[in-house]
Amino acid sequence: MIQYVIVRNIVRYKLKNKKDNISVEEFDNELKDLKIELSHWGSAVFFILLGAVSASFGLKGFLLPNSFVDGGITGISLIVAELTKIPLAILIIVINAPFIILAFYTVGKRFAVKSLSAIILLAILVHYVPFATVTDDKLLIAVFGGFFLGLGIGLAIRGGSVMDGTEVLAVYISRRTSLTIGDIILIFNVLIFSVVAYVFSIVIALYAILTYLVASKTLDFVVSGIEEYTGVTIISEKNEEIRLTIIEKLGRGCTIYSGQKGFSKRGEPLKDINIIYTLVTRLELSKLETEIDKIDKDAFVIMHTVKDAKGGMIKKRPLAE
């Protein structure tokens, strides 16, 4: 009840700053928008907090006590901390600071503020929370240190921020060169691992590469989702039968596009046709292909990977066999 009163007062304050006369419809719309914003803000805070805890555990529970390093800005911070004995918490903030400033101008103010908050929170946890060293097995350190670090960075990205400025730098450079973001991150990390091999040893550099690979794969799972979807476009004369099969046998929704067959000679009219588009999980793809072949073996089917989906029928449980 108290939260509701606070939200209503915020809405009234915002609207009074715009105009004196407030209609009921305007008030309800503003109230709805504010509730959505607060809900998203709450989710962002949760993901950033959870991400900072996970990343700090990966650093202090695995990597830092055993002098292991990672890629990216975090890897640079670990290298400098090992060589200079400057506290890692300070280095995380100082080395990331230029990239946060860069993010302010290239991505946006809100993103920069969130990222700065996430980095400061990570530094505080690393400095003050006494995580116990989990193991001294080098393989476990590389694998699980990378896992918890990647999990933390991925959760932070889910919350609309970053804990490592590498991607901000990559986005900035990619806009001004022909290099892709992936190319820049790869080159950046190759340089870091080369320094590790020169300053420490090749063995430590190899473990650092393993840590980075595990962290990167974990980050991909967290950001993109473990359950990838497949977008399927179907062009067939029997599109209505296929549409009904998708709905009735797979329990999935679909969208119908009005299109035209383009394979016509000059002067010949193009034939109208309905194009079906649907999303299925990887586990359902084989069943969909089977059902399509039953109806029309000559159907033109295009498939592509979709990292995540929201709304519609895609999150609902499919029909039982």
C-alpha atoms as a PDB file:
ATOM      1  CA  MET A   1       0.000   0.000   0.000  1.00  0.00           C
ATOM      2  CA  ILE A   2       2.835   2.396   0.878  1.00  0.00           C
ATOM      3  CA  GLN A   3       4.593   1.615  -2.432  1.00  0.00           C
ATOM      4  CA  TYR A   4       1.374   2.328  -4.349  1.00  0.00           C
ATOM      5  CA  VAL A   5       0.981   5.713  -2.655  1.00  0.00           C
ATOM      6  CA  ILE A   6       4.590   6.601  -3.461  1.00  0.00           C
ATOM      7  CA  VAL A   7       4.109   5.665  -7.130  1.00  0.00           C
ATOM      8  CA  ARG A   8       0.911   7.737  -7.391  1.00  0.00           C
ATOM      9  CA  ASN A   9       2.643  10.763  -5.855  1.00  0.00           C
ATOM     10  CA  ILE A  10       5.517  10.451  -8.322  1.00  0.00           C
ATOM     11  CA  VAL A  11       3.044  10.358 -11.203  1.00  0.00           C
ATOM     12  CA  ARG A  12       1.211  13.433  -9.909  1.00  0.00           C
ATOM     13  CA  TYR A  13       4.500  15.301  -9.554  1.00  0.00           C
ATOM     14  CA  LYS A  14       5.582  14.434 -13.101  1.00  0.00           C
ATOM     15  CA  LEU A  15       2.258  15.477 -14.612  1.00  0.00           C
ATOM     16  CA  LYS A  16       2.038  18.739 -12.650  1.00  0.00           C
ATOM     17  CA  ASN A  17       5.385  19.699 -14.100  1.00  0.00           C
ATOM     18  CA  LYS A  18       3.878  19.265 -17.569  1.00  0.00           C
ATOM     19  CA  LYS A  19       0.462  20.870 -17.173  1.00  0.00           C
ATOM     20  CA  ASP A  20      -2.044  21.971 -14.565  1.00  0.00           C
ATOM     21  CA  ASN A  21      -5.065  20.021 -15.809  1.00  0.00           C
ATOM     22  CA  ILE A  22      -4.601  16.252 -15.531  1.00  0.00           C
ATOM     23  CA  SER A  23      -7.114  13.921 -17.135  1.00  0.00           C
ATOM     24  CA  VAL A  24      -7.849  10.484 -15.724  1.00  0.00           C
ATOM     25  CA  GLU A  25      -6.573   8.862 -18.925  1.00  0.00           C
ATOM     26  CA  GLU A  26      -3.258  10.733 -18.756  1.00  0.00           C
ATOM     27  CA  PHE A  27      -2.836   9.819 -15.122  1.00  0.00           C
ATOM     28  CA  ASP A  28      -3.537   6.112 -15.791  1.00  0.00           C
ATOM     29  CA  ASN A  29      -1.121   6.027 -18.742  1.00  0.00           C
ATOM     30  CA  GLU A  30       1.647   7.681 -16.741  1.00  0.00           C
ATOM     31  CA  LEU A  31       0.985   5.332 -13.828  1.00  0.00           C
ATOM     32  CA  LYS A  32       1.224   2.308 -16.126  1.00  0.00           C
ATOM     33  CA  ASP A  33       4.476   3.546 -17.712  1.00  0.00           C
ATOM     34  CA  LEU A  34       6.003   4.298 -14.316  1.00  0.00           C
ATOM     35  CA  LYS A  35       5.130   0.838 -12.991  1.00  0.00           C
ATOM     36  CA  ILE A  36       6.822  -0.737 -16.031  1.00  0.00           C
ATOM     37  CA  GLU A  37       9.911   1.441 -15.554  1.00  0.00           C
ATOM     38  CA  LEU A  38      10.138   0.574 -11.860  1.00  0.00           C
ATOM     39  CA  SER A  39       9.693  -3.125 -12.639  1.00  0.00           C
ATOM     40  CA  HIS A  40      12.511  -3.051 -15.196  1.00  0.00           C
ATOM     41  CA  TRP A  41      14.668  -1.001 -12.852  1.00  0.00           C
ATOM     42  CA  GLY A  42      14.123  -3.566 -10.080  1.00  0.00           C
ATOM     43  CA  SER A  43      15.104  -6.413 -12.420  1.00  0.00           C
ATOM     44  CA  ALA A  44      18.231  -4.526 -13.493  1.00  0.00           C
ATOM     45  CA  VAL A  45      19.301  -3.965  -9.874  1.00  0.00           C
ATOM     46  CA  PHE A  46      18.746  -7.652  -9.078  1.00  0.00           C
ATOM     47  CA  PHE A  47      20.790  -8.866 -12.058  1.00  0.00           C
ATOM     48  CA  ILE A  48      23.632  -6.399 -11.405  1.00  0.00           C
ATOM     49  CA  LEU A  49      23.794  -7.308  -7.708  1.00  0.00           C
ATOM     50  CA  LEU A  50      23.754 -11.045  -8.438  1.00  0.00           C
ATOM     51  CA  GLY A  51      26.330 -10.574 -11.201  1.00  0.00           C
ATOM     52  CA  ALA A  52      28.696  -8.647  -8.927  1.00  0.00           C
ATOM     53  CA  VAL A  53      28.489 -11.380  -6.273  1.00  0.00           C
ATOM     54  CA  SER A  54      29.189 -14.123  -8.836  1.00  0.00           C
ATOM     55  CA  ALA A  55      32.097 -12.264 -10.480  1.00  0.00           C
ATOM     56  CA  SER A  56      33.712 -11.385  -7.143  1.00  0.00           C
ATOM     57  CA  PHE A  57      33.418 -15.024  -6.046  1.00  0.00           C
ATOM     58  CA  GLY A  58      35.099 -16.147  -9.274  1.00  0.00           C
ATOM     59  CA  LEU A  59      37.917 -13.664  -8.725  1.00  0.00           C
ATOM     60  CA  LYS A  60      38.568 -14.133  -4.992  1.00  0.00           C
ATOM     61  CA  GLY A  61      37.531 -17.774  -4.672  1.00  0.00           C
ATOM     62  CA  PHE A  62      39.516 -19.031  -7.666  1.00  0.00           C
ATOM     63  CA  LEU A  63      41.618 -16.668  -9.800  1.00  0.00           C
ATOM     64  CA  LEU A  64      43.204 -14.107  -7.488  1.00  0.00           C
ATOM     65  CA  PRO A  65      44.571 -16.422  -4.735  1.00  0.00           C
ATOM     66  CA  ASN A  66      46.218 -18.612  -7.371  1.00  0.00           C
ATOM     67  CA  SER A  67      47.638 -15.808  -9.561  1.00  0.00           C
ATOM     68  CA  PHE A  68      45.427 -16.730 -12.527  1.00  0.00           C
ATOM     69  CA  VAL A  69      44.283 -14.168 -15.082  1.00  0.00           C
ATOM     70  CA  ASP A  70      41.461 -13.739 -17.572  1.00  0.00           C
ATOM     71  CA  GLY A  71      40.968 -11.779 -20.757  1.00  0.00           C
ATOM     72  CA  GLY A  72      39.548  -8.279 -21.214  1.00  0.00           C
ATOM     73  CA  ILE A  73      39.886  -5.371 -18.811  1.00  0.00           C
ATOM     74  CA  THR A  74      39.502  -7.790 -15.893  1.00  0.00           C
ATOM     75  CA  GLY A  75      42.565  -9.658 -17.159  1.00  0.00           C
ATOM     76  CA  ILE A  76      44.565  -6.425 -17.372  1.00  0.00           C
ATOM     77  CA  SER A  77      43.521  -5.580 -13.808  1.00  0.00           C
ATOM     78  CA  LEU A  78      44.657  -9.007 -12.592  1.00  0.00           C
ATOM     79  CA  ILE A  79      48.025  -8.678 -14.375  1.00  0.00           C
ATOM     80  CA  VAL A  80      48.699  -5.211 -12.959  1.00  0.00           C
ATOM     81  CA  ALA A  81      47.597  -6.323  -9.469  1.00  0.00           C
ATOM     82  CA  GLU A  82      49.990  -9.263  -9.609  1.00  0.00           C
ATOM     83  CA  LEU A  83      52.931  -7.128 -10.793  1.00  0.00           C
ATOM     84  CA  THR A  84      52.424  -4.017  -8.656  1.00  0.00           C
ATOM     85  CA  LYS A  85      50.557  -5.371  -5.602  1.00  0.00           C
ATOM     86  CA  ILE A  86      48.015  -2.548  -6.006  1.00  0.00           C
ATOM     87  CA  PRO A  87      44.641  -3.752  -4.663  1.00  0.00           C
ATOM     88  CA  LEU A  88      42.549  -5.311  -7.414  1.00  0.00           C
ATOM     89  CA  ALA A  89      39.467  -3.339  -6.297  1.00  0.00           C
ATOM     90  CA  ILE A  90      41.184  -0.043  -7.099  1.00  0.00           C
ATOM     91  CA  LEU A  91      42.475  -1.284 -10.449  1.00  0.00           C
ATOM     92  CA  ILE A  92      39.032  -2.534 -11.518  1.00  0.00           C
ATOM     93  CA  ILE A  93      37.620   0.978 -11.114  1.00  0.00           C
ATOM     94  CA  VAL A  94      40.620   2.931 -12.452  1.00  0.00           C
ATOM     95  CA  ILE A  95      41.229   0.816 -15.571  1.00  0.00           C
ATOM     96  CA  ASN A  96      37.525   0.639 -16.432  1.00  0.00           C
ATOM     97  CA  ALA A  97      36.969   4.385 -15.877  1.00  0.00           C
ATOM     98  CA  PRO A  98      38.037   5.526 -19.404  1.00  0.00           C
ATOM     99  CA  PHE A  99      35.727   2.946 -20.964  1.00  0.00           C
ATOM    100  CA  ILE A 100      32.792   4.094 -18.844  1.00  0.00           C
ATOM    101  CA  ILE A 101      33.410   7.647 -20.047  1.00  0.00           C
ATOM    102  CA  LEU A 102      33.530   6.279 -23.597  1.00  0.00           C
ATOM    103  CA  ALA A 103      30.252   4.439 -22.974  1.00  0.00           C
ATOM    104  CA  PHE A 104      28.638   7.696 -21.834  1.00  0.00           C
ATOM    105  CA  TYR A 105      29.202   9.200 -25.304  1.00  0.00           C
ATOM    106  CA  THR A 106      28.830   6.084 -27.497  1.00  0.00           C
ATOM    107  CA  VAL A 107      26.012   4.133 -25.796  1.00  0.00           C
ATOM    108  CA  GLY A 108      24.168   6.463 -23.440  1.00  0.00           C
ATOM    109  CA  LYS A 109      24.001   8.073 -20.008  1.00  0.00           C
ATOM    110  CA  ARG A 110      21.810   5.413 -18.381  1.00  0.00           C
ATOM    111  CA  PHE A 111      24.068   2.599 -19.577  1.00  0.00           C
ATOM    112  CA  ALA A 112      27.175   4.414 -18.306  1.00  0.00           C
ATOM    113  CA  VAL A 113      25.633   5.040 -14.867  1.00  0.00           C
ATOM    114  CA  LYS A 114      24.527   1.418 -14.546  1.00  0.00           C
ATOM    115  CA  SER A 115      27.949   0.162 -15.628  1.00  0.00           C
ATOM    116  CA  LEU A 116      29.766   2.462 -13.201  1.00  0.00           C
ATOM    117  CA  SER A 117      27.500   1.262 -10.385  1.00  0.00           C
ATOM    118  CA  ALA A 118      28.149  -2.381 -11.300  1.00  0.00           C
ATOM    119  CA  ILE A 119      31.927  -1.873 -11.399  1.00  0.00           C
ATOM    120  CA  ILE A 120      32.003  -0.024  -8.067  1.00  0.00           C
ATOM    121  CA  LEU A 121      29.843  -2.745  -6.506  1.00  0.00           C
ATOM    122  CA  LEU A 122      32.205  -5.423  -7.841  1.00  0.00           C
ATOM    123  CA  ALA A 123      35.210  -3.543  -6.454  1.00  0.00           C
ATOM    124  CA  ILE A 124      33.570  -3.219  -3.023  1.00  0.00           C
ATOM    125  CA  LEU A 125      32.769  -6.937  -2.882  1.00  0.00           C
ATOM    126  CA  VAL A 126      36.273  -7.901  -4.020  1.00  0.00           C
ATOM    127  CA  HIS A 127      37.868  -5.663  -1.402  1.00  0.00           C
ATOM    128  CA  TYR A 128      35.646  -6.268   1.614  1.00  0.00           C
ATOM    129  CA  VAL A 129      33.994  -9.697   1.278  1.00  0.00           C
ATOM    130  CA  PRO A 130      36.323 -12.509   2.448  1.00  0.00           C
ATOM    131  CA  PHE A 131      35.583 -15.315  -0.003  1.00  0.00           C
ATOM    132  CA  ALA A 132      37.385 -18.530   0.906  1.00  0.00           C
ATOM    133  CA  THR A 133      39.772 -20.099  -1.602  1.00  0.00           C
ATOM    134  CA  VAL A 134      37.884 -23.047  -3.044  1.00  0.00           C
ATOM    135  CA  THR A 135      40.658 -25.163  -4.575  1.00  0.00           C
ATOM    136  CA  ASP A 136      44.290 -25.172  -5.657  1.00  0.00           C
ATOM    137  CA  ASP A 137      43.739 -27.503  -8.611  1.00  0.00           C
ATOM    138  CA  LYS A 138      44.784 -25.504 -11.663  1.00  0.00           C
ATOM    139  CA  LEU A 139      42.247 -27.025 -14.029  1.00  0.00           C
ATOM    140  CA  LEU A 140      39.362 -26.439 -11.611  1.00  0.00           C
ATOM    141  CA  ILE A 141      40.572 -22.891 -11.009  1.00  0.00           C
ATOM    142  CA  ALA A 142      40.602 -22.110 -14.738  1.00  0.00           C
ATOM    143  CA  VAL A 143      37.228 -23.732 -15.443  1.00  0.00           C
ATOM    144  CA  PHE A 144      35.182 -22.614 -12.445  1.00  0.00           C
ATOM    145  CA  GLY A 145      36.918 -19.253 -12.077  1.00  0.00           C
ATOM    146  CA  GLY A 146      35.947 -18.552 -15.695  1.00  0.00           C
ATOM    147  CA  PHE A 147      32.450 -19.919 -15.118  1.00  0.00           C
ATOM    148  CA  PHE A 148      31.600 -17.664 -12.165  1.00  0.00           C
ATOM    149  CA  LEU A 149      33.287 -14.655 -13.775  1.00  0.00           C
ATOM    150  CA  GLY A 150      31.403 -15.184 -17.048  1.00  0.00           C
ATOM    151  CA  LEU A 151      28.167 -15.765 -15.132  1.00  0.00           C
ATOM    152  CA  GLY A 152      28.634 -12.462 -13.290  1.00  0.00           C
ATOM    153  CA  ILE A 153      29.448 -10.459 -16.409  1.00  0.00           C
ATOM    154  CA  GLY A 154      26.511 -12.049 -18.236  1.00  0.00           C
ATOM    155  CA  LEU A 155      24.065 -11.216 -15.448  1.00  0.00           C
ATOM    156  CA  ALA A 156      25.333  -7.633 -15.434  1.00  0.00           C
ATOM    157  CA  ILE A 157      24.673  -7.396 -19.174  1.00  0.00           C
ATOM    158  CA  ARG A 158      21.165  -8.763 -18.542  1.00  0.00           C
ATOM    159  CA  GLY A 159      20.782  -5.856 -16.137  1.00  0.00           C
ATOM    160  CA  GLY A 160      21.786  -3.344 -18.824  1.00  0.00           C
ATOM    161  CA  SER A 161      25.399  -2.755 -17.769  1.00  0.00           C
ATOM    162  CA  VAL A 162      28.938  -4.093 -18.162  1.00  0.00           C
ATOM    163  CA  MET A 163      31.644  -4.995 -15.670  1.00  0.00           C
ATOM    164  CA  ASP A 164      34.336  -5.115 -18.333  1.00  0.00           C
ATOM    165  CA  GLY A 165      34.912  -2.237 -20.752  1.00  0.00           C
ATOM    166  CA  THR A 166      36.274  -4.402 -23.583  1.00  0.00           C
ATOM    167  CA  GLU A 167      32.990  -4.485 -25.502  1.00  0.00           C
ATOM    168  CA  VAL A 168      32.529  -0.719 -25.171  1.00  0.00           C
ATOM    169  CA  LEU A 169      35.963  -0.230 -26.743  1.00  0.00           C
ATOM    170  CA  ALA A 170      35.142  -2.768 -29.451  1.00  0.00           C
ATOM    171  CA  VAL A 171      31.887  -0.993 -30.339  1.00  0.00           C
ATOM    172  CA  TYR A 172      33.694   2.364 -30.509  1.00  0.00           C
ATOM    173  CA  ILE A 173      36.503   1.071 -32.766  1.00  0.00           C
ATOM    174  CA  SER A 174      34.144  -0.933 -35.011  1.00  0.00           C
ATOM    175  CA  ARG A 175      32.204   2.234 -35.832  1.00  0.00           C
ATOM    176  CA  ARG A 176      35.380   3.868 -37.115  1.00  0.00           C
ATOM    177  CA  THR A 177      37.100   0.954 -38.848  1.00  0.00           C
ATOM    178  CA  SER A 178      36.238  -2.028 -41.020  1.00  0.00           C
ATOM    179  CA  LEU A 179      36.858  -4.420 -38.117  1.00  0.00           C
ATOM    180  CA  THR A 180      33.929  -6.203 -36.478  1.00  0.00           C
ATOM    181  CA  ILE A 181      33.311  -6.232 -32.725  1.00  0.00           C
ATOM    182  CA  GLY A 182      34.373  -9.891 -32.599  1.00  0.00           C
ATOM    183  CA  ASP A 183      37.637  -9.128 -34.440  1.00  0.00           C
ATOM    184  CA  ILE A 184      38.526  -6.331 -32.032  1.00  0.00           C
ATOM    185  CA  ILE A 185      37.808  -8.407 -28.913  1.00  0.00           C
ATOM    186  CA  LEU A 186      39.876 -11.265 -30.344  1.00  0.00           C
ATOM    187  CA  ILE A 187      42.856  -8.997 -31.149  1.00  0.00           C
ATOM    188  CA  PHE A 188      42.599  -7.333 -27.728  1.00  0.00           C
ATOM    189  CA  ASN A 189      42.677 -10.670 -25.914  1.00  0.00           C
ATOM    190  CA  VAL A 190      45.481 -12.112 -28.061  1.00  0.00           C
ATOM    191  CA  LEU A 191      47.613  -9.140 -26.971  1.00  0.00           C
ATOM    192  CA  ILE A 192      46.717  -9.742 -23.309  1.00  0.00           C
ATOM    193  CA  PHE A 193      47.545 -13.448 -23.472  1.00  0.00           C
ATOM    194  CA  SER A 194      50.828 -12.659 -25.247  1.00  0.00           C
ATOM    195  CA  VAL A 195      51.781 -10.345 -22.381  1.00  0.00           C
ATOM    196  CA  VAL A 196      50.840 -13.047 -19.863  1.00  0.00           C
ATOM    197  CA  ALA A 197      53.035 -15.579 -21.690  1.00  0.00           C
ATOM    198  CA  TYR A 198      55.967 -13.135 -21.736  1.00  0.00           C
ATOM    199  CA  VAL A 199      55.672 -11.791 -18.173  1.00  0.00           C
ATOM    200  CA  PHE A 200      54.614 -14.997 -16.388  1.00  0.00           C
ATOM    201  CA  SER A 201      54.832 -18.207 -18.419  1.00  0.00           C
ATOM    202  CA  ILE A 202      53.286 -19.988 -21.381  1.00  0.00           C
ATOM    203  CA  VAL A 203      51.543 -22.423 -19.020  1.00  0.00           C
ATOM    204  CA  ILE A 204      49.798 -19.601 -17.145  1.00  0.00           C
ATOM    205  CA  ALA A 205      48.861 -18.039 -20.502  1.00  0.00           C
ATOM    206  CA  LEU A 206      47.285 -21.331 -21.616  1.00  0.00           C
ATOM    207  CA  TYR A 207      45.276 -21.549 -18.392  1.00  0.00           C
ATOM    208  CA  ALA A 208      44.257 -17.909 -18.923  1.00  0.00           C
ATOM    209  CA  ILE A 209      42.965 -18.780 -22.404  1.00  0.00           C
ATOM    210  CA  LEU A 210      40.977 -21.675 -20.913  1.00  0.00           C
ATOM    211  CA  THR A 211      39.529 -19.347 -18.267  1.00  0.00           C
ATOM    212  CA  TYR A 212      38.565 -16.840 -20.948  1.00  0.00           C
ATOM    213  CA  LEU A 213      36.913 -19.471 -23.154  1.00  0.00           C
ATOM    214  CA  VAL A 214      34.832 -20.824 -20.250  1.00  0.00           C
ATOM    215  CA  ALA A 215      33.858 -17.283 -19.209  1.00  0.00           C
ATOM    216  CA  SER A 216      32.888 -16.358 -22.773  1.00  0.00           C
ATOM    217  CA  LYS A 217      30.748 -19.446 -23.278  1.00  0.00           C
ATOM    218  CA  THR A 218      29.029 -18.969 -19.914  1.00  0.00           C
ATOM    219  CA  LEU A 219      28.384 -15.316 -20.766  1.00  0.00           C
ATOM    220  CA  ASP A 220      26.803 -16.350 -24.080  1.00  0.00           C
ATOM    221  CA  PHE A 221      24.490 -18.794 -22.304  1.00  0.00           C
ATOM    222  CA  VAL A 222      23.404 -16.180 -19.762  1.00  0.00           C
ATOM    223  CA  VAL A 223      22.863 -13.357 -22.257  1.00  0.00           C
ATOM    224  CA  SER A 224      21.398 -15.342 -25.148  1.00  0.00           C
ATOM    225  CA  GLY A 225      19.655 -18.078 -23.200  1.00  0.00           C
ATOM    226  CA  ILE A 226      20.481 -21.760 -23.076  1.00  0.00           C
ATOM    227  CA  GLU A 227      17.371 -22.696 -25.042  1.00  0.00           C
ATOM    228  CA  GLU A 228      17.855 -21.189 -28.465  1.00  0.00           C
ATOM    229  CA  TYR A 229      14.897 -20.921 -30.800  1.00  0.00           C
ATOM    230  CA  THR A 230      14.724 -21.491 -34.512  1.00  0.00           C
ATOM    231  CA  GLY A 231      12.810 -19.128 -36.739  1.00  0.00           C
ATOM    232  CA  VAL A 232      11.174 -21.025 -39.617  1.00  0.00           C
ATOM    233  CA  THR A 233       9.814 -19.426 -42.785  1.00  0.00           C
ATOM    234  CA  ILE A 234       7.626 -21.720 -44.904  1.00  0.00           C
ATOM    235  CA  ILE A 235       6.521 -21.024 -48.472  1.00  0.00           C
ATOM    236  CA  SER A 236       4.033 -23.570 -49.781  1.00  0.00           C
ATOM    237  CA  GLU A 237       0.894 -23.822 -51.853  1.00  0.00           C
ATOM    238  CA  LYS A 238      -0.607 -25.775 -48.957  1.00  0.00           C
ATOM    239  CA  ASN A 239       0.108 -23.034 -46.442  1.00  0.00           C
ATOM    240  CA  GLU A 240      -3.292 -23.287 -44.749  1.00  0.00           C
ATOM    241  CA  GLU A 241      -2.812 -26.985 -43.951  1.00  0.00           C
ATOM    242  CA  ILE A 242       0.671 -26.263 -42.590  1.00  0.00           C
ATOM    243  CA  ARG A 243      -0.650 -23.376 -40.500  1.00  0.00           C
ATOM    244  CA  LEU A 244      -3.295 -25.602 -38.906  1.00  0.00           C
ATOM    245  CA  THR A 245      -0.713 -28.324 -38.238  1.00  0.00           C
ATOM    246  CA  ILE A 246       1.588 -25.866 -36.435  1.00  0.00           C
ATOM    247  CA  ILE A 247      -1.278 -24.734 -34.230  1.00  0.00           C
ATOM    248  CA  GLU A 248      -2.988 -28.066 -33.621  1.00  0.00           C
ATOM    249  CA  LYS A 249      -0.115 -30.587 -33.530  1.00  0.00           C
ATOM    250  CA  LEU A 250       2.784 -28.489 -32.245  1.00  0.00           C
ATOM    251  CA  GLY A 251       0.771 -26.081 -30.123  1.00  0.00           C
ATOM    252  CA  ARG A 252       2.738 -23.116 -31.486  1.00  0.00           C
ATOM    253  CA  GLY A 253       1.624 -19.815 -32.940  1.00  0.00           C
ATOM    254  CA  CYS A 254       2.561 -18.469 -36.338  1.00  0.00           C
ATOM    255  CA  THR A 255       2.390 -15.297 -38.390  1.00  0.00           C
ATOM    256  CA  ILE A 256       1.116 -15.105 -41.969  1.00  0.00           C
ATOM    257  CA  TYR A 257       2.772 -12.718 -44.433  1.00  0.00           C
ATOM    258  CA  SER A 258       1.188 -11.820 -47.738  1.00  0.00           C
ATOM    259  CA  GLY A 259       3.755 -12.286 -50.470  1.00  0.00           C
ATOM    260  CA  GLN A 260       4.238 -13.017 -54.147  1.00  0.00           C
ATOM    261  CA  LYS A 261       6.142 -15.719 -55.949  1.00  0.00           C
ATOM    262  CA  GLY A 262       9.052 -14.034 -57.692  1.00  0.00           C
ATOM    263  CA  PHE A 263       9.831 -16.786 -60.205  1.00  0.00           C
ATOM    264  CA  SER A 264       8.011 -15.346 -63.220  1.00  0.00           C
ATOM    265  CA  LYS A 265       9.270 -14.308 -66.617  1.00  0.00           C
ATOM    266  CA  ARG A 266       9.119 -10.765 -67.888  1.00  0.00           C
ATOM    267  CA  GLY A 267       5.531  -9.692 -68.530  1.00  0.00           C
ATOM    268  CA  GLU A 268       3.988 -12.555 -66.564  1.00  0.00           C
ATOM    269  CA  PRO A 269       1.964 -11.643 -63.444  1.00  0.00           C
ATOM    270  CA  LEU A 270       3.336 -12.603 -60.022  1.00  0.00           C
ATOM    271  CA  LYS A 271       1.287 -15.138 -58.128  1.00  0.00           C
ATOM    272  CA  ASP A 272       0.073 -14.195 -54.622  1.00  0.00           C
ATOM    273  CA  ILE A 273       0.923 -16.573 -51.782  1.00  0.00           C
ATOM    274  CA  ASN A 274       0.758 -16.625 -47.983  1.00  0.00           C
ATOM    275  CA  ILE A 275       4.101 -17.062 -46.194  1.00  0.00           C
ATOM    276  CA  ILE A 276       4.177 -18.703 -42.757  1.00  0.00           C
ATOM    277  CA  TYR A 277       6.645 -17.703 -40.061  1.00  0.00           C
ATOM    278  CA  THR A 278       6.895 -19.550 -36.741  1.00  0.00           C
ATOM    279  CA  LEU A 279       9.304 -20.088 -33.839  1.00  0.00           C
ATOM    280  CA  VAL A 280      10.108 -23.500 -32.382  1.00  0.00           C
ATOM    281  CA  THR A 281      12.754 -24.838 -30.025  1.00  0.00           C
ATOM    282  CA  ARG A 282      15.582 -26.985 -31.344  1.00  0.00           C
ATOM    283  CA  LEU A 283      13.892 -30.053 -29.871  1.00  0.00           C
ATOM    284  CA  GLU A 284      10.688 -29.356 -31.823  1.00  0.00           C
ATOM    285  CA  LEU A 285      12.402 -28.656 -35.144  1.00  0.00           C
ATOM    286  CA  SER A 286      12.541 -32.279 -36.278  1.00  0.00           C
ATOM    287  CA  LYS A 287       8.832 -32.753 -35.607  1.00  0.00           C
ATOM    288  CA  LEU A 288       7.979 -29.602 -37.571  1.00  0.00           C
ATOM    289  CA  GLU A 289      10.049 -30.767 -40.549  1.00  0.00           C
ATOM    290  CA  THR A 290       8.276 -34.144 -40.454  1.00  0.00           C
ATOM    291  CA  GLU A 291       4.831 -32.537 -40.407  1.00  0.00           C
ATOM    292  CA  ILE A 292       5.740 -30.196 -43.272  1.00  0.00           C
ATOM    293  CA  ASP A 293       7.000 -33.117 -45.386  1.00  0.00           C
ATOM    294  CA  LYS A 294       3.729 -34.981 -44.767  1.00  0.00           C
ATOM    295  CA  ILE A 295       1.797 -32.074 -46.255  1.00  0.00           C
ATOM    296  CA  ASP A 296       4.142 -30.733 -48.935  1.00  0.00           C
ATOM    297  CA  LYS A 297       7.555 -32.282 -49.629  1.00  0.00           C
ATOM    298  CA  ASP A 298       8.315 -29.458 -52.077  1.00  0.00           C
ATOM    299  CA  ALA A 299       7.713 -26.676 -49.543  1.00  0.00           C
ATOM    300  CA  PHE A 300      10.470 -24.034 -49.411  1.00  0.00           C
ATOM    301  CA  VAL A 301      11.657 -23.856 -45.796  1.00  0.00           C
ATOM    302  CA  ILE A 302      14.157 -21.347 -44.403  1.00  0.00           C
ATOM    303  CA  MET A 303      15.550 -21.764 -40.870  1.00  0.00           C
ATOM    304  CA  HIS A 304      17.666 -19.414 -38.778  1.00  0.00           C
ATOM    305  CA  THR A 305      18.737 -19.241 -35.143  1.00  0.00           C
ATOM    306  CA  VAL A 306      16.888 -16.887 -32.787  1.00  0.00           C
ATOM    307  CA  LYS A 307      18.716 -16.206 -29.516  1.00  0.00           C
ATOM    308  CA  ASP A 308      15.650 -15.431 -27.435  1.00  0.00           C
ATOM    309  CA  ALA A 309      11.965 -14.670 -27.784  1.00  0.00           C
ATOM    310  CA  LYS A 310       9.346 -12.892 -25.715  1.00  0.00           C
ATOM    311  CA  GLY A 311       5.561 -12.891 -25.653  1.00  0.00           C
ATOM    312  CA  GLY A 312       3.142 -14.700 -27.930  1.00  0.00           C
ATOM    313  CA  MET A 313       2.840 -18.473 -27.606  1.00  0.00           C
ATOM    314  CA  ILE A 314       6.555 -19.296 -27.669  1.00  0.00           C
ATOM    315  CA  LYS A 315       6.920 -19.501 -23.873  1.00  0.00           C
ATOM    316  CA  LYS A 316       3.812 -21.611 -23.444  1.00  0.00           C
ATOM    317  CA  ARG A 317       3.946 -25.378 -23.130  1.00  0.00           C
ATOM    318  CA  PRO A 318       3.374 -27.133 -26.483  1.00  0.00           C
ATOM    319  CA  LEU A 319       0.510 -29.555 -26.916  1.00  0.00           C
ATOM    320  CA  ALA A 320       1.065 -33.098 -25.673  1.00  0.00           C
ATOM    321  CA  GLU A 321       1.677 -35.884 -28.149  1.00  0.00           C
END
